[in-house]
Amino acid sequence: MTGPQRQVSAEDVRDAARVLDGVAHRTPVVRSRTLDALVGRAVFLKCENFQRVGAFKFRGAYNAAARLPPEVRSAGIVTYSSGNHAQAVALAARELGTRAVVVMPEDAPRSKAEAVASYGAEIVTYDRYHGDRVAIGEQLASERAMALIPPYEHPDVIAGQGTAALELLEEVGTLDVLVVPVGGGGLVAGCATIAHVLCPRIRVIGVEPAAGDDTKRSLEAGERIKIGVPRTIADGQAAEIPGELTFSINRRLLHAVALVSDAEILDAMRFAFDRLKLVVEPSGATGLAAVLTGRIDEVATGAERVGVILSGGNVDARRFSELIS
């Protein structure tokens, strides 16, 4: 089964790692004495900003695309995304010798749209505040007889994303806390799935922009809550509602969700650039922001070793300068 009704296991994540071996980058883990001193813990930063396409999304997109039956994959792939998953599917399709059609919002960052086009994908735009990207994507896939690989609501996508945590834990050993950005919930669902098997006592904390707290609200309510389209600089986390599959995993495995403001995200981006010499996009900086502001402290009491997923670095020079100046 490849539909969203199938649950995701730690073995699925390990299988994804085998599919991605030699295709995806094994991204570095960065340490900083300054950061450790500021927060009073040992912090391990998993730098998915160095992943292919500049974000973790390539892991899930390639794993899902590679598992399609050859006759299905050859017909092409459709997806919808504000940027990073769009690039990931476009590159995965090119690597696997097929074509991609990507539904993107009209106001998606120009650098991300240009990257999608550079990988050879066809772009179909829509108004993110009035259009329904899921309906558009499903219609395109049906009309063109192409496979649909959504950004997070797919077990093979989730398993692929979980390989980021698998690599981190293989490299640094046991962690007390794992901090992961949350958009649709696929990254944190995959990471939590493998982390709880490798480190049974680990506490997994998701991080959302304060304006896009759909997962936090949903966990508190015990059911999926839909909010308005978030207006936040963290465009990669501008989800209106958690996915059904991702929520079913995250409600079991997440210990908490922390919220950070756009101003705090910008401070984290500045810190990463000034002190760590890392360029991260707003969505990629939310986990670091939660650590720097102490938002994880209540859940992380007694934690000495903290892992943080820096989920991406897709921000062009002009936009980066505008944001942090």
Protein backbone atom coordinates (compact mmCIF):
# COMPACT_ATOMS: atom_id res chain seq x y z
CA MET A 1 0.00 0.00 0.00
CA THR A 2 1.23 3.50 -0.77
CA GLY A 3 -1.76 5.56 0.33
CA PRO A 4 -1.94 7.73 3.43
CA GLN A 5 -3.87 5.05 5.34
CA ARG A 6 -0.66 3.05 5.90
CA GLN A 7 1.20 3.79 9.12
CA VAL A 8 4.95 4.43 9.24
CA SER A 9 7.43 2.30 11.18
CA ALA A 10 11.06 2.63 12.15
CA GLU A 11 11.84 -0.06 9.59
CA ASP A 12 10.24 2.12 6.90
CA VAL A 13 12.70 4.85 7.86
CA ARG A 14 15.62 2.42 7.68
CA ASP A 15 14.39 1.21 4.27
CA ALA A 16 14.24 4.82 3.11
CA ALA A 17 17.83 5.32 4.22
CA ARG A 18 18.85 2.44 1.96
CA VAL A 19 16.98 3.98 -0.99
CA LEU A 20 18.63 7.35 -0.35
CA ASP A 21 22.14 5.98 0.15
CA GLY A 22 24.41 7.56 -2.43
CA VAL A 23 21.60 9.83 -3.70
CA ALA A 24 20.83 12.19 -0.83
CA HIS A 25 23.60 13.96 1.07
CA ARG A 26 24.49 12.75 4.55
CA THR A 27 24.39 16.25 5.98
CA PRO A 28 26.82 17.49 8.65
CA VAL A 29 26.16 17.99 12.35
CA VAL A 30 27.46 21.31 13.66
CA ARG A 31 28.43 22.19 17.25
CA SER A 32 29.05 25.60 18.83
CA ARG A 33 30.59 26.27 22.23
CA THR A 34 28.95 29.69 22.20
CA LEU A 35 25.52 28.15 21.66
CA ASP A 36 26.09 25.50 24.31
CA ALA A 37 27.10 28.17 26.82
CA LEU A 38 24.09 30.35 26.01
CA VAL A 39 21.54 27.59 26.57
CA GLY A 40 23.38 25.49 29.14
CA ARG A 41 23.18 22.30 27.11
CA ALA A 42 25.09 20.42 24.44
CA VAL A 43 23.33 21.23 21.17
CA PHE A 44 23.74 19.23 17.96
CA LEU A 45 22.53 20.97 14.79
CA LYS A 46 21.60 18.69 11.88
CA CYS A 47 22.22 20.90 8.85
CA GLU A 48 19.62 20.03 6.25
CA ASN A 49 20.37 23.39 4.63
CA PHE A 50 23.22 21.42 3.01
CA GLN A 51 20.87 18.76 1.62
CA ARG A 52 20.21 18.54 -2.12
CA VAL A 53 17.78 21.32 -3.14
CA GLY A 54 18.81 23.04 0.09
CA ALA A 55 16.30 21.32 2.39
CA PHE A 56 15.28 18.02 3.97
CA LYS A 57 12.43 17.66 1.48
CA PHE A 58 14.57 15.81 -1.05
CA ARG A 59 14.68 12.82 1.30
CA GLY A 60 10.93 12.20 1.26
CA ALA A 61 10.33 13.20 -2.34
CA TYR A 62 12.98 10.88 -3.73
CA ASN A 63 12.01 7.97 -1.49
CA ALA A 64 8.38 8.23 -2.58
CA ALA A 65 9.18 8.70 -6.27
CA ALA A 66 11.69 5.85 -6.35
CA ARG A 67 9.11 3.45 -4.91
CA LEU A 68 6.51 4.11 -7.60
CA PRO A 69 6.07 1.22 -10.06
CA PRO A 70 8.13 1.99 -13.18
CA GLU A 71 5.08 2.24 -15.42
CA VAL A 72 3.47 4.74 -13.02
CA ARG A 73 6.62 6.79 -12.53
CA SER A 74 7.24 7.04 -16.26
CA ALA A 75 3.93 8.88 -16.70
CA GLY A 76 5.17 11.70 -14.48
CA ILE A 77 4.63 13.15 -11.01
CA VAL A 78 2.39 15.95 -9.74
CA THR A 79 2.82 17.81 -6.47
CA TYR A 80 1.86 21.04 -4.72
CA SER A 81 4.25 23.07 -2.59
CA SER A 82 5.35 26.59 -1.67
CA GLY A 83 8.91 25.78 -2.60
CA ASN A 84 11.14 23.17 -0.99
CA HIS A 85 9.02 20.09 -1.71
CA ALA A 86 8.42 21.51 -5.18
CA GLN A 87 12.16 21.60 -5.82
CA ALA A 88 12.59 18.17 -4.27
CA VAL A 89 10.00 16.51 -6.51
CA ALA A 90 11.34 18.32 -9.57
CA LEU A 91 14.87 17.08 -8.88
CA ALA A 92 13.73 13.57 -7.94
CA ALA A 93 11.77 13.33 -11.19
CA ARG A 94 14.79 14.45 -13.18
CA GLU A 95 17.05 11.97 -11.39
CA LEU A 96 14.60 9.15 -12.08
CA GLY A 97 14.11 10.05 -15.73
CA THR A 98 10.55 11.31 -15.59
CA ARG A 99 8.74 14.66 -15.59
CA ALA A 100 7.09 16.75 -12.89
CA VAL A 101 4.22 19.24 -12.68
CA VAL A 102 4.28 21.47 -9.62
CA VAL A 103 1.42 23.58 -8.24
CA MET A 104 2.94 26.65 -6.54
CA PRO A 105 1.41 29.78 -4.99
CA GLU A 106 1.77 32.93 -7.03
CA ASP A 107 3.71 34.58 -4.20
CA ALA A 108 6.18 31.75 -3.65
CA PRO A 109 9.76 33.00 -3.19
CA ARG A 110 11.15 33.74 -6.62
CA SER A 111 14.36 31.84 -5.94
CA LYS A 112 12.36 28.68 -5.18
CA ALA A 113 10.22 28.99 -8.31
CA GLU A 114 13.31 29.55 -10.43
CA ALA A 115 14.95 26.48 -8.91
CA VAL A 116 11.89 24.34 -9.69
CA ALA A 117 11.96 25.50 -13.29
CA SER A 118 15.71 24.87 -13.53
CA TYR A 119 15.11 21.20 -12.71
CA GLY A 120 12.79 20.98 -15.71
CA ALA A 121 9.41 20.94 -13.97
CA GLU A 122 6.26 22.58 -15.28
CA ILE A 123 4.84 25.15 -12.83
CA VAL A 124 1.11 25.80 -12.37
CA THR A 125 0.39 28.80 -10.11
CA TYR A 126 -2.58 29.58 -7.84
CA ASP A 127 -3.64 32.14 -5.21
CA ARG A 128 -2.73 30.63 -1.83
CA TYR A 129 -5.34 32.74 0.01
CA HIS A 130 -8.27 31.75 -2.19
CA GLY A 131 -7.27 28.63 -4.14
CA ASP A 132 -7.18 24.99 -3.02
CA ARG A 133 -3.81 23.53 -3.94
CA VAL A 134 -4.81 20.00 -2.99
CA ALA A 135 -7.84 20.07 -5.29
CA ILE A 136 -5.77 21.56 -8.10
CA GLY A 137 -3.06 18.93 -7.69
CA GLU A 138 -5.53 16.05 -7.56
CA GLN A 139 -7.32 17.33 -10.66
CA LEU A 140 -4.07 17.66 -12.61
CA ALA A 141 -2.96 14.17 -11.59
CA SER A 142 -6.30 12.74 -12.66
CA GLU A 143 -6.47 14.59 -15.97
CA ARG A 144 -2.89 13.74 -16.93
CA ALA A 145 -2.82 10.21 -15.45
CA MET A 146 0.20 11.13 -13.32
CA ALA A 147 1.17 10.07 -9.79
CA LEU A 148 0.57 12.55 -6.97
CA ILE A 149 3.24 12.91 -4.28
CA PRO A 150 1.99 15.36 -1.64
CA PRO A 151 4.38 17.34 0.59
CA TYR A 152 3.79 15.36 3.79
CA GLU A 153 0.60 13.28 3.74
CA HIS A 154 2.24 10.12 2.40
CA PRO A 155 3.97 7.28 4.30
CA ASP A 156 6.98 7.10 1.95
CA VAL A 157 7.49 10.85 2.22
CA ILE A 158 7.32 10.69 6.02
CA ALA A 159 9.74 7.74 6.13
CA GLY A 160 12.20 9.58 3.92
CA GLN A 161 12.10 12.68 6.12
CA GLY A 162 12.78 10.54 9.17
CA THR A 163 16.21 9.64 7.81
CA ALA A 164 17.44 13.08 8.96
CA ALA A 165 16.94 12.02 12.59
CA LEU A 166 18.29 8.54 11.87
CA GLU A 167 21.55 10.02 10.60
CA LEU A 168 21.77 12.46 13.50
CA LEU A 169 21.34 9.74 16.12
CA GLU A 170 23.73 7.39 14.34
CA GLU A 171 26.39 10.12 14.44
CA VAL A 172 25.99 11.64 17.91
CA GLY A 173 24.38 8.86 19.92
CA THR A 174 21.64 9.22 22.51
CA LEU A 175 19.81 12.55 22.81
CA ASP A 176 17.52 13.73 25.59
CA VAL A 177 15.50 16.06 23.35
CA LEU A 178 14.96 16.41 19.60
CA VAL A 179 13.66 19.76 18.30
CA VAL A 180 12.04 19.71 14.86
CA PRO A 181 10.22 22.38 12.79
CA VAL A 182 6.56 21.60 12.02
CA GLY A 183 4.68 22.61 8.89
CA GLY A 184 2.40 19.86 7.64
CA GLY A 185 4.03 17.54 10.15
CA GLY A 186 5.85 15.07 7.90
CA LEU A 187 9.38 15.86 9.06
CA VAL A 188 8.61 15.66 12.75
CA ALA A 189 6.45 12.54 12.27
CA GLY A 190 9.26 10.69 10.51
CA CYS A 191 11.90 11.91 12.94
CA ALA A 192 9.81 11.03 15.99
CA THR A 193 9.06 7.56 14.60
CA ILE A 194 12.72 6.57 14.41
CA ALA A 195 13.89 8.62 17.41
CA HIS A 196 11.57 6.87 19.87
CA VAL A 197 12.88 3.48 18.76
CA LEU A 198 16.56 4.44 18.95
CA CYS A 199 16.15 6.54 22.12
CA PRO A 200 13.03 5.36 23.99
CA ARG A 201 13.25 8.17 26.57
CA ILE A 202 13.74 10.99 24.09
CA ARG A 203 11.38 13.97 24.16
CA VAL A 204 10.43 15.25 20.71
CA ILE A 205 9.42 18.90 20.53
CA GLY A 206 7.86 20.40 17.44
CA VAL A 207 8.23 24.10 16.65
CA GLU A 208 5.76 26.26 14.74
CA PRO A 209 5.67 29.97 13.89
CA ALA A 210 3.27 31.68 16.30
CA ALA A 211 1.02 32.73 13.42
CA GLY A 212 0.78 29.14 12.15
CA ASP A 213 -0.01 27.10 15.23
CA ASP A 214 -2.40 24.57 13.68
CA THR A 215 -0.55 21.54 15.06
CA LYS A 216 -0.31 22.95 18.58
CA ARG A 217 -4.02 23.80 18.58
CA SER A 218 -4.87 20.39 17.16
CA LEU A 219 -2.87 18.52 19.78
CA GLU A 220 -4.50 20.52 22.55
CA ALA A 221 -7.97 19.89 21.10
CA GLY A 222 -7.36 16.21 20.36
CA GLU A 223 -8.50 16.67 16.77
CA ARG A 224 -7.29 18.46 13.65
CA ILE A 225 -7.99 22.18 13.78
CA LYS A 226 -7.97 24.34 10.65
CA ILE A 227 -6.73 27.91 10.88
CA GLY A 228 -6.54 30.67 8.29
CA VAL A 229 -3.56 30.70 5.92
CA PRO A 230 -0.73 31.84 8.22
CA ARG A 231 0.97 35.14 7.44
CA THR A 232 4.51 34.49 8.56
CA ILE A 233 8.02 34.81 7.17
CA ALA A 234 8.32 31.04 7.68
CA ASP A 235 6.58 30.27 4.37
CA GLY A 236 7.59 26.61 4.51
CA GLN A 237 5.50 26.22 7.67
CA ALA A 238 2.40 28.06 6.46
CA ALA A 239 0.05 25.09 6.87
CA GLU A 240 -3.66 25.56 7.59
CA ILE A 241 -4.29 22.13 9.10
CA PRO A 242 -2.19 19.08 9.98
CA GLY A 243 -2.41 16.10 7.68
CA GLU A 244 -4.53 13.15 8.81
CA LEU A 245 -1.63 10.71 8.75
CA THR A 246 0.93 13.12 10.21
CA PHE A 247 -1.44 14.10 13.01
CA SER A 248 -2.17 10.46 13.85
CA ILE A 249 1.58 9.97 14.37
CA ASN A 250 2.37 13.27 16.05
CA ARG A 251 -0.43 13.08 18.60
CA ARG A 252 1.23 9.88 19.87
CA LEU A 253 4.89 10.83 19.66
CA LEU A 254 5.25 14.58 20.20
CA HIS A 255 5.80 15.75 23.74
CA ALA A 256 5.01 19.38 23.02
CA VAL A 257 4.88 22.08 20.36
CA ALA A 258 6.71 25.36 20.99
CA LEU A 259 5.81 28.61 19.24
CA VAL A 260 8.25 31.30 18.07
CA SER A 261 7.54 34.74 16.68
CA ASP A 262 8.80 36.07 13.37
CA ALA A 263 11.15 38.39 15.30
CA GLU A 264 12.61 35.43 17.18
CA ILE A 265 13.04 33.53 13.93
CA LEU A 266 15.00 36.46 12.52
CA ASP A 267 17.21 36.56 15.62
CA ALA A 268 17.95 32.87 15.13
CA MET A 269 18.83 33.45 11.48
CA ARG A 270 21.22 36.22 12.52
CA PHE A 271 22.79 34.01 15.18
CA ALA A 272 23.28 31.17 12.72
CA PHE A 273 24.92 33.51 10.25
CA ASP A 274 27.08 35.50 12.68
CA ARG A 275 28.16 32.75 15.04
CA LEU A 276 27.82 29.52 13.09
CA LYS A 277 28.46 30.82 9.56
CA LEU A 278 25.29 29.09 8.40
CA VAL A 279 22.59 30.46 6.12
CA VAL A 280 19.16 29.13 7.06
CA GLU A 281 15.77 30.18 5.76
CA PRO A 282 13.07 31.29 8.21
CA SER A 283 11.42 27.85 8.40
CA GLY A 284 14.82 26.27 8.89
CA ALA A 285 15.58 28.53 11.85
CA THR A 286 12.49 27.91 13.98
CA GLY A 287 14.01 25.01 15.92
CA LEU A 288 17.11 27.04 16.73
CA ALA A 289 14.87 29.96 17.72
CA ALA A 290 13.01 27.76 20.21
CA VAL A 291 16.28 26.69 21.80
CA LEU A 292 17.73 30.23 21.95
CA THR A 293 14.58 31.70 23.50
CA GLY A 294 14.20 28.95 26.09
CA ARG A 295 10.84 27.85 24.67
CA ILE A 296 11.85 24.22 25.07
CA ASP A 297 12.96 24.56 28.69
CA GLU A 298 9.74 23.42 30.34
CA VAL A 299 9.72 20.15 28.41
CA ALA A 300 13.51 19.83 28.39
CA THR A 301 14.04 19.97 32.16
CA GLY A 302 17.18 18.00 32.98
CA ALA A 303 18.08 17.56 29.33
CA GLU A 304 21.80 17.76 28.67
CA ARG A 305 21.94 16.74 24.99
CA VAL A 306 19.62 18.40 22.49
CA GLY A 307 19.38 17.76 18.77
CA VAL A 308 17.93 20.38 16.43
CA ILE A 309 16.96 19.92 12.79
CA LEU A 310 17.86 22.98 10.71
CA SER A 311 15.40 22.06 8.01
CA GLY A 312 16.51 24.25 5.09
CA GLY A 313 18.50 27.14 3.72
CA ASN A 314 16.57 28.22 0.62
CA VAL A 315 16.64 31.99 0.88
CA ASP A 316 18.30 34.13 -1.78
CA ALA A 317 20.84 36.84 -0.96
CA ARG A 318 18.46 39.75 -1.46
CA ARG A 319 15.71 38.26 0.70
CA PHE A 320 18.18 37.19 3.38
CA SER A 321 19.61 40.71 3.51
CA GLU A 322 16.14 42.26 3.71
CA LEU A 323 15.12 39.95 6.55
CA ILE A 324 18.12 40.32 8.84
CA SER A 325 19.07 43.95 8.18
